[in-house]
Amino acid sequence: MAKIRIKSAGKIIAWIMRAIGMTLRWEVRDDAGVFDSSRKGWIWSFWHNRMFLIPWLHHEWFANVPGTILTSPSGDGQIIADVCQSFGIEAERGSSSKPEKGMSALIALAAKAREGYEIGITPDGPRGPLHRVQPGIVKLAQLTGVPIVPVHLHYSRAIQFRTWDEFLLPLPFCKVTLVFDKPHHIPRRMTEEGFEQKRLALEEVMRFGTTLENLQAAR
């Protein structure tokens, strides 16, 4: 019965995504060249609390590019996997915060990235700390040579939940500001100090993008 409830939850959430998505007004800034038809797959980096629209918008705008998202092995991760499946996106179960325990997922994601898949990762998931980039996403980019694209989402009206990630649910008919930031390229060979510098640089950009005024001023 538990499995039935989880799968039903995923289908319900996917339906809500579609219903809300059709009402939204969009302002999109593409500093990465995401809409360039000749581009290859990238690693999308978006905070855990801004993930709600990602499966929907990827299906609507990039359905021709196969996608995979990293989800946790928990029940919540299963719900996210079911939601993504509704939009034609695959899921790998693991953790960006504990790559040593999610090595099999990291290896599977690396294989998908080399095949041209888009990889979606919440670098502060699945349990935080909030807005802290964990090493898994940087390690994946290092292994594959695939650049990381920070994705920033802002809603003019949203419900904020009292969860660890302060999850945001956009309200129907709100305006969504979406920014694909400049790609981060991670060298194959780095010292531990160099790796940490790359992690911190990505974290700084991701945190900068949590404030809409920062993004507007950076145009």
N, C-alpha and C. Protein backbone atom coordinates (compact mmCIF):
# COMPACT_ATOMS: atom_id res chain seq x y z
N MET A 1 0.82 -1.21 0.00
CA MET A 1 0.00 0.00 0.00
C MET A 1 0.86 1.26 0.00
N ALA A 2 2.00 1.20 0.71
CA ALA A 2 2.87 2.38 0.75
C ALA A 2 3.38 2.74 -0.63
N LYS A 3 3.75 1.70 -1.42
CA LYS A 3 4.26 1.97 -2.76
C LYS A 3 3.18 2.58 -3.63
N ILE A 4 1.94 2.14 -3.47
CA ILE A 4 0.84 2.69 -4.25
C ILE A 4 0.64 4.16 -3.92
N ARG A 5 0.73 4.50 -2.63
CA ARG A 5 0.54 5.89 -2.22
C ARG A 5 1.66 6.76 -2.79
N ILE A 6 2.90 6.26 -2.76
CA ILE A 6 4.02 7.04 -3.28
C ILE A 6 3.85 7.31 -4.77
N LYS A 7 3.50 6.30 -5.55
CA LYS A 7 3.32 6.48 -6.98
C LYS A 7 2.16 7.43 -7.27
N SER A 8 1.11 7.33 -6.50
CA SER A 8 -0.03 8.24 -6.69
C SER A 8 0.38 9.67 -6.41
N ALA A 9 1.20 9.86 -5.37
CA ALA A 9 1.67 11.20 -5.03
C ALA A 9 2.45 11.80 -6.20
N GLY A 10 3.31 11.00 -6.82
CA GLY A 10 4.09 11.50 -7.95
C GLY A 10 3.21 11.94 -9.10
N LYS A 11 2.18 11.15 -9.40
CA LYS A 11 1.27 11.49 -10.50
C LYS A 11 0.48 12.75 -10.19
N ILE A 12 0.06 12.88 -8.93
CA ILE A 12 -0.71 14.07 -8.53
C ILE A 12 0.15 15.33 -8.65
N ILE A 13 1.40 15.24 -8.16
CA ILE A 13 2.30 16.40 -8.23
C ILE A 13 2.59 16.77 -9.67
N ALA A 14 2.78 15.77 -10.54
CA ALA A 14 3.03 16.04 -11.96
C ALA A 14 1.83 16.75 -12.58
N TRP A 15 0.64 16.35 -12.20
CA TRP A 15 -0.56 17.01 -12.71
C TRP A 15 -0.63 18.45 -12.24
N ILE A 16 -0.29 18.70 -10.97
CA ILE A 16 -0.28 20.06 -10.44
C ILE A 16 0.76 20.91 -11.18
N MET A 17 1.93 20.33 -11.46
CA MET A 17 2.96 21.04 -12.22
C MET A 17 2.43 21.51 -13.57
N ARG A 18 1.77 20.59 -14.27
CA ARG A 18 1.24 20.93 -15.60
C ARG A 18 0.18 22.03 -15.49
N ALA A 19 -0.69 21.91 -14.51
CA ALA A 19 -1.77 22.88 -14.34
C ALA A 19 -1.21 24.27 -14.04
N ILE A 20 -0.23 24.34 -13.14
CA ILE A 20 0.37 25.63 -12.80
C ILE A 20 1.22 26.14 -13.96
N GLY A 21 2.00 25.25 -14.56
CA GLY A 21 2.91 25.65 -15.64
C GLY A 21 2.21 26.33 -16.79
N MET A 22 1.02 25.89 -17.13
CA MET A 22 0.29 26.47 -18.25
C MET A 22 -0.18 27.89 -17.99
N THR A 23 -0.17 28.34 -16.74
CA THR A 23 -0.68 29.67 -16.40
C THR A 23 0.42 30.71 -16.24
N LEU A 24 1.68 30.29 -16.25
CA LEU A 24 2.77 31.18 -15.84
C LEU A 24 3.21 32.14 -16.94
N ARG A 25 3.73 33.28 -16.50
CA ARG A 25 4.39 34.23 -17.39
C ARG A 25 5.89 34.12 -17.14
N TRP A 26 6.66 34.10 -18.24
CA TRP A 26 8.08 33.82 -18.13
C TRP A 26 8.94 34.99 -18.59
N GLU A 27 10.01 35.22 -17.87
CA GLU A 27 11.11 36.08 -18.32
C GLU A 27 12.37 35.24 -18.24
N VAL A 28 12.99 34.97 -19.39
CA VAL A 28 14.11 34.04 -19.46
C VAL A 28 15.37 34.76 -19.92
N ARG A 29 16.46 34.52 -19.21
CA ARG A 29 17.77 35.03 -19.63
C ARG A 29 18.71 33.85 -19.79
N ASP A 30 19.25 33.71 -20.98
CA ASP A 30 20.08 32.56 -21.30
C ASP A 30 21.52 33.01 -21.50
N ASP A 31 22.28 33.05 -20.41
CA ASP A 31 23.71 33.41 -20.49
C ASP A 31 24.58 32.20 -20.82
N ALA A 32 23.98 31.01 -20.85
CA ALA A 32 24.74 29.78 -21.06
C ALA A 32 24.64 29.26 -22.49
N GLY A 33 23.66 29.73 -23.26
CA GLY A 33 23.45 29.18 -24.59
C GLY A 33 22.66 27.89 -24.56
N VAL A 34 21.79 27.75 -23.55
CA VAL A 34 21.00 26.53 -23.40
C VAL A 34 20.08 26.31 -24.60
N PHE A 35 19.62 27.38 -25.22
CA PHE A 35 18.69 27.26 -26.34
C PHE A 35 19.40 27.10 -27.68
N ASP A 36 20.72 27.00 -27.66
CA ASP A 36 21.49 26.75 -28.88
C ASP A 36 21.27 25.30 -29.29
N SER A 37 20.71 25.08 -30.45
CA SER A 37 20.36 23.73 -30.90
C SER A 37 21.58 22.83 -31.10
N SER A 38 22.75 23.42 -31.25
CA SER A 38 23.96 22.63 -31.50
C SER A 38 24.68 22.22 -30.22
N ARG A 39 24.17 22.66 -29.08
CA ARG A 39 24.86 22.38 -27.82
C ARG A 39 24.73 20.91 -27.44
N LYS A 40 25.58 20.49 -26.52
CA LYS A 40 25.50 19.15 -25.96
C LYS A 40 24.90 19.23 -24.56
N GLY A 41 24.64 18.08 -23.96
CA GLY A 41 24.03 18.05 -22.64
C GLY A 41 24.93 18.66 -21.57
N TRP A 42 24.30 19.25 -20.56
CA TRP A 42 25.02 19.87 -19.46
C TRP A 42 24.52 19.34 -18.13
N ILE A 43 25.19 19.74 -17.06
CA ILE A 43 24.74 19.45 -15.70
C ILE A 43 24.01 20.67 -15.18
N TRP A 44 22.74 20.53 -14.92
CA TRP A 44 21.94 21.64 -14.37
C TRP A 44 22.09 21.63 -12.86
N SER A 45 22.40 22.79 -12.29
CA SER A 45 22.52 22.94 -10.84
C SER A 45 21.45 23.90 -10.36
N PHE A 46 20.54 23.43 -9.51
CA PHE A 46 19.47 24.29 -8.98
C PHE A 46 19.22 23.91 -7.53
N TRP A 47 18.93 24.91 -6.71
CA TRP A 47 18.72 24.64 -5.29
C TRP A 47 17.50 23.75 -5.08
N HIS A 48 17.53 23.00 -3.98
CA HIS A 48 16.48 22.05 -3.67
C HIS A 48 15.10 22.73 -3.58
N ASN A 49 15.07 23.94 -3.05
CA ASN A 49 13.77 24.62 -2.87
C ASN A 49 13.24 25.25 -4.16
N ARG A 50 14.01 25.20 -5.24
CA ARG A 50 13.56 25.79 -6.51
C ARG A 50 13.33 24.72 -7.59
N MET A 51 13.21 23.47 -7.18
CA MET A 51 13.17 22.39 -8.17
C MET A 51 11.79 22.18 -8.79
N PHE A 52 10.74 22.77 -8.23
CA PHE A 52 9.38 22.39 -8.59
C PHE A 52 9.10 22.41 -10.09
N LEU A 53 9.54 23.44 -10.78
CA LEU A 53 9.20 23.59 -12.20
C LEU A 53 10.19 22.93 -13.15
N ILE A 54 11.31 22.44 -12.63
CA ILE A 54 12.36 21.93 -13.51
C ILE A 54 11.88 20.80 -14.42
N PRO A 55 11.22 19.75 -13.91
CA PRO A 55 10.78 18.69 -14.83
C PRO A 55 9.82 19.20 -15.90
N TRP A 56 8.92 20.08 -15.52
CA TRP A 56 7.95 20.61 -16.48
C TRP A 56 8.63 21.43 -17.57
N LEU A 57 9.51 22.35 -17.18
CA LEU A 57 10.11 23.23 -18.19
C LEU A 57 11.07 22.46 -19.09
N HIS A 58 11.75 21.44 -18.54
CA HIS A 58 12.62 20.64 -19.40
C HIS A 58 11.80 19.89 -20.45
N HIS A 59 10.67 19.36 -20.04
CA HIS A 59 9.80 18.65 -20.98
C HIS A 59 9.22 19.59 -22.02
N GLU A 60 8.86 20.80 -21.62
CA GLU A 60 8.24 21.76 -22.53
C GLU A 60 9.23 22.33 -23.53
N TRP A 61 10.45 22.61 -23.11
CA TRP A 61 11.40 23.34 -23.94
C TRP A 61 12.55 22.48 -24.47
N PHE A 62 12.86 21.38 -23.79
CA PHE A 62 14.03 20.59 -24.18
C PHE A 62 13.69 19.11 -24.28
N ALA A 63 12.51 18.80 -24.72
CA ALA A 63 12.07 17.41 -24.79
C ALA A 63 12.94 16.58 -25.73
N ASN A 64 13.63 17.24 -26.66
CA ASN A 64 14.49 16.52 -27.61
C ASN A 64 15.82 16.10 -26.98
N VAL A 65 16.10 16.60 -25.77
CA VAL A 65 17.35 16.25 -25.08
C VAL A 65 17.02 15.31 -23.92
N PRO A 66 17.56 14.09 -23.89
CA PRO A 66 17.25 13.18 -22.78
C PRO A 66 17.76 13.73 -21.46
N GLY A 67 17.02 13.47 -20.39
CA GLY A 67 17.37 14.01 -19.09
C GLY A 67 17.38 12.96 -17.99
N THR A 68 18.25 13.18 -17.01
CA THR A 68 18.33 12.34 -15.82
C THR A 68 18.50 13.25 -14.62
N ILE A 69 17.83 12.90 -13.51
CA ILE A 69 17.97 13.70 -12.29
C ILE A 69 18.43 12.81 -11.16
N LEU A 70 19.23 13.38 -10.26
CA LEU A 70 19.69 12.64 -9.09
C LEU A 70 18.68 12.82 -7.97
N THR A 71 18.17 11.72 -7.42
CA THR A 71 17.24 11.77 -6.30
C THR A 71 17.75 10.89 -5.17
N SER A 72 17.29 11.15 -3.98
CA SER A 72 17.74 10.40 -2.81
C SER A 72 17.09 9.02 -2.78
N PRO A 73 17.64 8.10 -2.01
CA PRO A 73 17.06 6.76 -1.89
C PRO A 73 15.81 6.72 -1.00
N SER A 74 15.41 7.86 -0.44
CA SER A 74 14.29 7.92 0.49
C SER A 74 12.94 7.86 -0.22
N GLY A 75 11.87 7.83 0.58
CA GLY A 75 10.52 7.88 0.02
C GLY A 75 10.27 9.15 -0.75
N ASP A 76 10.78 10.28 -0.24
CA ASP A 76 10.64 11.55 -0.96
C ASP A 76 11.36 11.47 -2.31
N GLY A 77 12.51 10.81 -2.32
CA GLY A 77 13.24 10.65 -3.57
C GLY A 77 12.47 9.83 -4.57
N GLN A 78 11.71 8.83 -4.08
CA GLN A 78 10.88 8.03 -4.97
C GLN A 78 9.77 8.86 -5.59
N ILE A 79 9.18 9.74 -4.79
CA ILE A 79 8.14 10.63 -5.31
C ILE A 79 8.70 11.51 -6.42
N ILE A 80 9.90 12.09 -6.18
CA ILE A 80 10.53 12.93 -7.19
C ILE A 80 10.82 12.12 -8.45
N ALA A 81 11.28 10.88 -8.27
CA ALA A 81 11.56 10.02 -9.43
C ALA A 81 10.29 9.75 -10.22
N ASP A 82 9.17 9.52 -9.53
CA ASP A 82 7.90 9.27 -10.22
C ASP A 82 7.41 10.52 -10.96
N VAL A 83 7.61 11.69 -10.34
CA VAL A 83 7.24 12.94 -11.01
C VAL A 83 8.04 13.10 -12.30
N CYS A 84 9.35 12.91 -12.20
CA CYS A 84 10.21 13.07 -13.37
C CYS A 84 9.86 12.07 -14.46
N GLN A 85 9.52 10.85 -14.07
CA GLN A 85 9.13 9.84 -15.05
C GLN A 85 7.91 10.30 -15.85
N SER A 86 7.01 11.03 -15.20
CA SER A 86 5.83 11.55 -15.89
C SER A 86 6.20 12.53 -17.00
N PHE A 87 7.38 13.12 -16.88
CA PHE A 87 7.85 14.08 -17.88
C PHE A 87 8.96 13.51 -18.76
N GLY A 88 9.13 12.20 -18.74
CA GLY A 88 10.11 11.56 -19.59
C GLY A 88 11.54 11.71 -19.11
N ILE A 89 11.73 11.99 -17.83
CA ILE A 89 13.07 12.17 -17.27
C ILE A 89 13.41 10.97 -16.40
N GLU A 90 14.58 10.41 -16.60
CA GLU A 90 15.02 9.27 -15.80
C GLU A 90 15.51 9.75 -14.43
N ALA A 91 15.71 8.82 -13.51
CA ALA A 91 16.20 9.16 -12.17
C ALA A 91 17.25 8.16 -11.74
N GLU A 92 18.30 8.68 -11.10
CA GLU A 92 19.31 7.85 -10.45
C GLU A 92 19.22 8.12 -8.95
N ARG A 93 19.23 7.05 -8.16
CA ARG A 93 19.07 7.19 -6.71
C ARG A 93 20.44 7.28 -6.05
N GLY A 94 20.66 8.36 -5.31
CA GLY A 94 21.93 8.56 -4.63
C GLY A 94 21.87 9.85 -3.85
N SER A 95 23.02 10.44 -3.56
CA SER A 95 23.08 11.67 -2.78
C SER A 95 24.23 12.53 -3.24
N SER A 96 23.93 13.83 -3.45
CA SER A 96 25.00 14.77 -3.82
C SER A 96 25.84 15.14 -2.61
N SER A 97 25.29 14.93 -1.40
CA SER A 97 26.01 15.30 -0.19
C SER A 97 26.97 14.21 0.27
N LYS A 98 26.74 12.95 -0.18
CA LYS A 98 27.59 11.84 0.22
C LYS A 98 27.99 11.01 -0.99
N PRO A 99 28.85 11.59 -1.85
CA PRO A 99 29.23 10.88 -3.08
C PRO A 99 29.92 9.55 -2.82
N GLU A 100 30.58 9.42 -1.64
CA GLU A 100 31.24 8.15 -1.34
C GLU A 100 30.22 7.03 -1.13
N LYS A 101 29.00 7.39 -0.67
CA LYS A 101 27.95 6.40 -0.49
C LYS A 101 27.06 6.28 -1.72
N GLY A 102 27.15 7.25 -2.59
CA GLY A 102 26.34 7.22 -3.80
C GLY A 102 27.18 7.00 -5.04
N MET A 103 28.29 6.26 -4.89
CA MET A 103 29.23 6.09 -5.99
C MET A 103 28.59 5.43 -7.20
N SER A 104 27.72 4.46 -6.96
CA SER A 104 27.08 3.78 -8.09
C SER A 104 26.22 4.75 -8.89
N ALA A 105 25.53 5.65 -8.18
CA ALA A 105 24.72 6.67 -8.87
C ALA A 105 25.62 7.63 -9.62
N LEU A 106 26.75 8.00 -9.02
CA LEU A 106 27.69 8.91 -9.66
C LEU A 106 28.24 8.30 -10.94
N ILE A 107 28.57 7.02 -10.90
CA ILE A 107 29.09 6.33 -12.09
C ILE A 107 28.02 6.27 -13.18
N ALA A 108 26.78 5.98 -12.78
CA ALA A 108 25.68 5.92 -13.75
C ALA A 108 25.42 7.29 -14.37
N LEU A 109 25.46 8.35 -13.56
CA LEU A 109 25.26 9.70 -14.07
C LEU A 109 26.39 10.09 -15.02
N ALA A 110 27.61 9.70 -14.69
CA ALA A 110 28.75 10.01 -15.56
C ALA A 110 28.57 9.37 -16.93
N ALA A 111 28.08 8.13 -16.94
CA ALA A 111 27.83 7.44 -18.21
C ALA A 111 26.76 8.16 -19.02
N LYS A 112 25.69 8.59 -18.35
CA LYS A 112 24.62 9.32 -19.02
C LYS A 112 25.12 10.66 -19.57
N ALA A 113 25.94 11.35 -18.78
CA ALA A 113 26.46 12.65 -19.21
C ALA A 113 27.30 12.50 -20.48
N ARG A 114 28.08 11.44 -20.55
CA ARG A 114 28.92 11.22 -21.73
C ARG A 114 28.08 10.88 -22.95
N GLU A 115 26.87 10.37 -22.73
CA GLU A 115 25.97 10.06 -23.83
C GLU A 115 25.17 11.27 -24.30
N GLY A 116 25.35 12.42 -23.62
CA GLY A 116 24.66 13.63 -24.03
C GLY A 116 23.41 13.95 -23.25
N TYR A 117 23.17 13.22 -22.17
CA TYR A 117 22.02 13.50 -21.31
C TYR A 117 22.21 14.81 -20.55
N GLU A 118 21.10 15.51 -20.29
CA GLU A 118 21.10 16.58 -19.30
C GLU A 118 21.05 15.92 -17.93
N ILE A 119 21.86 16.39 -17.00
CA ILE A 119 21.86 15.87 -15.64
C ILE A 119 21.36 16.96 -14.70
N GLY A 120 20.33 16.68 -13.92
CA GLY A 120 19.80 17.65 -12.96
C GLY A 120 20.20 17.27 -11.55
N ILE A 121 20.81 18.22 -10.83
CA ILE A 121 21.26 17.97 -9.46
C ILE A 121 20.92 19.15 -8.57
N THR A 122 20.37 18.86 -7.38
CA THR A 122 20.21 19.88 -6.34
C THR A 122 21.42 19.76 -5.43
N PRO A 123 22.38 20.66 -5.55
CA PRO A 123 23.66 20.47 -4.85
C PRO A 123 23.58 20.61 -3.33
N ASP A 124 22.45 21.11 -2.81
CA ASP A 124 22.28 21.17 -1.35
C ASP A 124 21.33 20.07 -0.86
N GLY A 125 20.92 19.18 -1.75
CA GLY A 125 20.00 18.12 -1.37
C GLY A 125 20.74 16.85 -0.99
N PRO A 126 20.00 15.88 -0.41
CA PRO A 126 18.58 15.93 -0.12
C PRO A 126 18.22 16.51 1.25
N ARG A 127 19.21 16.80 2.08
CA ARG A 127 18.89 17.26 3.44
C ARG A 127 19.66 18.49 3.88
N GLY A 128 20.34 19.15 2.96
CA GLY A 128 21.03 20.37 3.33
C GLY A 128 22.46 20.13 3.78
N PRO A 129 23.06 21.15 4.36
CA PRO A 129 22.49 22.45 4.76
C PRO A 129 21.99 23.27 3.57
N LEU A 130 21.05 24.16 3.86
CA LEU A 130 20.45 25.00 2.85
C LEU A 130 21.51 25.85 2.15
N HIS A 131 21.46 25.82 0.81
CA HIS A 131 22.31 26.66 -0.04
C HIS A 131 23.81 26.41 0.19
N ARG A 132 24.12 25.17 0.45
CA ARG A 132 25.53 24.78 0.50
C ARG A 132 25.77 23.74 -0.59
N VAL A 133 26.70 24.03 -1.49
CA VAL A 133 27.02 23.11 -2.57
C VAL A 133 27.85 21.95 -2.01
N GLN A 134 27.32 20.74 -2.17
CA GLN A 134 28.02 19.54 -1.75
C GLN A 134 28.96 19.09 -2.88
N PRO A 135 29.95 18.27 -2.57
CA PRO A 135 31.01 17.97 -3.54
C PRO A 135 30.59 17.11 -4.72
N GLY A 136 29.45 16.38 -4.61
CA GLY A 136 29.10 15.42 -5.65
C GLY A 136 28.98 16.02 -7.04
N ILE A 137 28.36 17.19 -7.15
CA ILE A 137 28.14 17.80 -8.46
C ILE A 137 29.47 18.22 -9.10
N VAL A 138 30.40 18.70 -8.28
CA VAL A 138 31.72 19.10 -8.79
C VAL A 138 32.50 17.86 -9.22
N LYS A 139 32.39 16.80 -8.45
CA LYS A 139 33.08 15.55 -8.79
C LYS A 139 32.56 14.99 -10.11
N LEU A 140 31.24 15.07 -10.33
CA LEU A 140 30.66 14.58 -11.58
C LEU A 140 31.19 15.37 -12.76
N ALA A 141 31.25 16.69 -12.64
CA ALA A 141 31.78 17.52 -13.72
C ALA A 141 33.26 17.24 -13.96
N GLN A 142 33.98 16.97 -12.89
CA GLN A 142 35.40 16.65 -13.02
C GLN A 142 35.60 15.33 -13.76
N LEU A 143 34.79 14.34 -13.46
CA LEU A 143 34.92 13.02 -14.08
C LEU A 143 34.56 13.03 -15.56
N THR A 144 33.61 13.86 -15.94
CA THR A 144 33.05 13.81 -17.29
C THR A 144 33.53 14.92 -18.21
N GLY A 145 33.99 16.03 -17.64
CA GLY A 145 34.32 17.19 -18.47
C GLY A 145 33.10 17.95 -18.92
N VAL A 146 31.93 17.59 -18.40
CA VAL A 146 30.68 18.27 -18.76
C VAL A 146 30.51 19.50 -17.87
N PRO A 147 30.26 20.68 -18.43
CA PRO A 147 30.14 21.88 -17.62
C PRO A 147 28.87 21.92 -16.78
N ILE A 148 28.94 22.65 -15.68
CA ILE A 148 27.80 22.87 -14.79
C ILE A 148 27.15 24.20 -15.13
N VAL A 149 25.83 24.20 -15.31
CA VAL A 149 25.08 25.44 -15.57
C VAL A 149 24.22 25.76 -14.36
N PRO A 150 24.54 26.83 -13.62
CA PRO A 150 23.67 27.24 -12.52
C PRO A 150 22.32 27.74 -13.06
N VAL A 151 21.24 27.24 -12.49
CA VAL A 151 19.89 27.61 -12.92
C VAL A 151 19.20 28.34 -11.76
N HIS A 152 18.81 29.60 -12.02
CA HIS A 152 18.17 30.41 -10.98
C HIS A 152 16.69 30.62 -11.33
N LEU A 153 15.82 30.38 -10.37
CA LEU A 153 14.38 30.55 -10.56
C LEU A 153 13.81 31.47 -9.49
N HIS A 154 13.02 32.44 -9.94
CA HIS A 154 12.35 33.34 -8.99
C HIS A 154 10.88 33.47 -9.38
N TYR A 155 10.01 33.48 -8.36
CA TYR A 155 8.57 33.57 -8.57
C TYR A 155 8.05 34.88 -7.98
N SER A 156 7.18 35.55 -8.72
CA SER A 156 6.62 36.80 -8.19
C SER A 156 5.67 36.53 -7.03
N ARG A 157 5.06 35.34 -7.02
CA ARG A 157 4.19 34.94 -5.92
C ARG A 157 4.37 33.44 -5.67
N ALA A 158 4.59 33.08 -4.43
CA ALA A 158 4.82 31.67 -4.11
C ALA A 158 4.49 31.40 -2.66
N ILE A 159 4.22 30.14 -2.37
CA ILE A 159 4.05 29.67 -1.00
C ILE A 159 5.39 29.11 -0.53
N GLN A 160 5.83 29.54 0.64
CA GLN A 160 7.09 29.03 1.20
C GLN A 160 6.75 28.09 2.36
N PHE A 161 7.23 26.84 2.25
CA PHE A 161 6.94 25.84 3.27
C PHE A 161 7.97 25.90 4.40
N ARG A 162 7.55 25.45 5.57
CA ARG A 162 8.44 25.43 6.73
C ARG A 162 9.21 24.11 6.77
N THR A 163 10.01 23.92 5.76
CA THR A 163 10.86 22.75 5.65
C THR A 163 12.32 23.19 5.73
N TRP A 164 13.24 22.22 5.82
CA TRP A 164 14.65 22.58 5.96
C TRP A 164 15.13 23.44 4.80
N ASP A 165 14.55 23.20 3.59
CA ASP A 165 15.00 23.93 2.40
C ASP A 165 14.16 25.16 2.10
N GLU A 166 13.13 25.43 2.93
CA GLU A 166 12.23 26.56 2.67
C GLU A 166 11.63 26.47 1.27
N PHE A 167 11.10 25.29 0.96
CA PHE A 167 10.62 24.97 -0.37
C PHE A 167 9.60 25.99 -0.88
N LEU A 168 9.73 26.36 -2.16
CA LEU A 168 8.87 27.36 -2.78
C LEU A 168 7.95 26.72 -3.80
N LEU A 169 6.65 26.98 -3.66
CA LEU A 169 5.64 26.51 -4.61
C LEU A 169 5.06 27.71 -5.33
N PRO A 170 5.36 27.88 -6.63
CA PRO A 170 4.83 29.04 -7.36
C PRO A 170 3.31 28.98 -7.45
N LEU A 171 2.69 30.14 -7.35
CA LEU A 171 1.24 30.22 -7.46
C LEU A 171 0.83 30.39 -8.92
N PRO A 172 -0.36 29.92 -9.27
CA PRO A 172 -0.82 30.08 -10.66
C PRO A 172 -0.82 31.55 -11.08
N PHE A 173 -0.47 31.78 -12.35
CA PHE A 173 -0.49 33.09 -12.99
C PHE A 173 0.60 34.04 -12.47
N CYS A 174 1.57 33.51 -11.73
CA CYS A 174 2.66 34.38 -11.29
C CYS A 174 3.67 34.53 -12.42
N LYS A 175 4.59 35.45 -12.23
CA LYS A 175 5.68 35.64 -13.18
C LYS A 175 6.91 34.87 -12.69
N VAL A 176 7.54 34.14 -13.61
CA VAL A 176 8.74 33.38 -13.27
C VAL A 176 9.93 33.99 -14.00
N THR A 177 10.95 34.36 -13.25
CA THR A 177 12.21 34.82 -13.84
C THR A 177 13.19 33.65 -13.79
N LEU A 178 13.64 33.24 -14.96
CA LEU A 178 14.53 32.08 -15.10
C LEU A 178 15.84 32.53 -15.73
N VAL A 179 16.94 32.23 -15.06
CA VAL A 179 18.26 32.60 -15.57
C VAL A 179 19.13 31.35 -15.66
N PHE A 180 19.62 31.08 -16.87
CA PHE A 180 20.65 30.07 -17.07
C PHE A 180 21.99 30.79 -17.02
N ASP A 181 22.72 30.61 -15.94
CA ASP A 181 23.97 31.36 -15.74
C ASP A 181 25.11 30.75 -16.56
N LYS A 182 26.22 31.46 -16.59
CA LYS A 182 27.37 31.03 -17.37
C LYS A 182 27.90 29.68 -16.87
N PRO A 183 28.28 28.81 -17.79
CA PRO A 183 28.74 27.47 -17.40
C PRO A 183 30.02 27.50 -16.57
N HIS A 184 30.13 26.54 -15.66
CA HIS A 184 31.34 26.34 -14.87
C HIS A 184 32.06 25.10 -15.40
N HIS A 185 33.29 25.30 -15.83
CA HIS A 185 34.10 24.20 -16.36
C HIS A 185 35.05 23.72 -15.27
N ILE A 186 35.03 22.43 -15.03
CA ILE A 186 35.84 21.84 -13.96
C ILE A 186 36.97 21.02 -14.57
N PRO A 187 38.22 21.32 -14.26
CA PRO A 187 39.36 20.56 -14.81
C PRO A 187 39.34 19.11 -14.35
N ARG A 188 39.90 18.24 -15.19
CA ARG A 188 39.97 16.83 -14.82
C ARG A 188 40.94 16.60 -13.66
N ARG A 189 42.04 17.34 -13.67
CA ARG A 189 43.05 17.16 -12.63
C ARG A 189 43.12 18.39 -11.75
N MET A 190 42.97 18.18 -10.44
CA MET A 190 43.02 19.28 -9.48
C MET A 190 43.56 18.75 -8.16
N THR A 191 44.17 19.64 -7.41
CA THR A 191 44.52 19.33 -6.03
C THR A 191 43.25 19.44 -5.18
N GLU A 192 43.32 18.97 -3.95
CA GLU A 192 42.18 19.11 -3.04
C GLU A 192 41.84 20.58 -2.84
N GLU A 193 42.87 21.42 -2.77
CA GLU A 193 42.64 22.86 -2.61
C GLU A 193 41.95 23.43 -3.84
N GLY A 194 42.38 23.00 -5.03
CA GLY A 194 41.76 23.47 -6.26
C GLY A 194 40.32 23.02 -6.37
N PHE A 195 40.04 21.78 -5.95
CA PHE A 195 38.67 21.27 -5.96
C PHE A 195 37.78 22.11 -5.07
N GLU A 196 38.27 22.42 -3.87
CA GLU A 196 37.48 23.23 -2.94
C GLU A 196 37.24 24.64 -3.49
N GLN A 197 38.21 25.19 -4.18
CA GLN A 197 38.02 26.51 -4.78
C GLN A 197 36.91 26.48 -5.83
N LYS A 198 36.87 25.42 -6.63
CA LYS A 198 35.81 25.28 -7.63
C LYS A 198 34.45 25.11 -6.97
N ARG A 199 34.41 24.34 -5.89
CA ARG A 199 33.15 24.15 -5.17
C ARG A 199 32.65 25.47 -4.59
N LEU A 200 33.55 26.22 -3.99
CA LEU A 200 33.18 27.50 -3.41
C LEU A 200 32.74 28.50 -4.47
N ALA A 201 33.40 28.48 -5.63
CA ALA A 201 33.03 29.39 -6.71
C ALA A 201 31.61 29.10 -7.20
N LEU A 202 31.28 27.82 -7.35
CA LEU A 202 29.92 27.46 -7.75
C LEU A 202 28.92 27.86 -6.68
N GLU A 203 29.26 27.61 -5.44
CA GLU A 203 28.37 27.98 -4.33
C GLU A 203 28.12 29.48 -4.29
N GLU A 204 29.16 30.27 -4.53
CA GLU A 204 29.01 31.73 -4.52
C GLU A 204 28.04 32.18 -5.60
N VAL A 205 28.17 31.63 -6.81
CA VAL A 205 27.27 31.99 -7.91
C VAL A 205 25.84 31.56 -7.62
N MET A 206 25.68 30.35 -7.09
CA MET A 206 24.36 29.85 -6.77
C MET A 206 23.69 30.70 -5.69
N ARG A 207 24.44 31.08 -4.67
CA ARG A 207 23.87 31.92 -3.61
C ARG A 207 23.56 33.33 -4.11
N PHE A 208 24.43 33.85 -4.96
CA PHE A 208 24.19 35.16 -5.56
C PHE A 208 22.85 35.16 -6.31
N GLY A 209 22.55 34.04 -6.97
CA GLY A 209 21.34 33.94 -7.77
C GLY A 209 20.07 33.75 -6.98
N THR A 210 20.17 33.60 -5.65
CA THR A 210 18.95 33.46 -4.85
C THR A 210 18.23 34.79 -4.67
N THR A 211 18.90 35.89 -5.00
CA THR A 211 18.30 37.22 -4.89
C THR A 211 18.05 37.77 -6.28
N LEU A 212 16.80 38.07 -6.58
CA LEU A 212 16.45 38.55 -7.92
C LEU A 212 17.14 39.87 -8.24
N GLU A 213 17.26 40.72 -7.25
CA GLU A 213 17.90 42.02 -7.48
C GLU A 213 19.35 41.84 -7.92
N ASN A 214 20.03 40.85 -7.38
CA ASN A 214 21.41 40.57 -7.80
C ASN A 214 21.47 40.22 -9.28
N LEU A 215 20.56 39.36 -9.72
CA LEU A 215 20.54 38.92 -11.11
C LEU A 215 20.21 40.07 -12.05
N GLN A 216 19.29 40.92 -11.63
CA GLN A 216 18.91 42.06 -12.47
C GLN A 216 20.05 43.06 -12.58
N ALA A 217 20.78 43.26 -11.49
CA ALA A 217 21.89 44.20 -11.50
C ALA A 217 23.08 43.67 -12.31
N ALA A 218 23.16 42.34 -12.45
CA ALA A 218 24.28 41.72 -13.15
C ALA A 218 24.10 41.65 -14.64
N ARG A 219 23.01 42.17 -15.16
CA ARG A 219 22.77 42.09 -16.61
C ARG A 219 23.81 42.87 -17.38
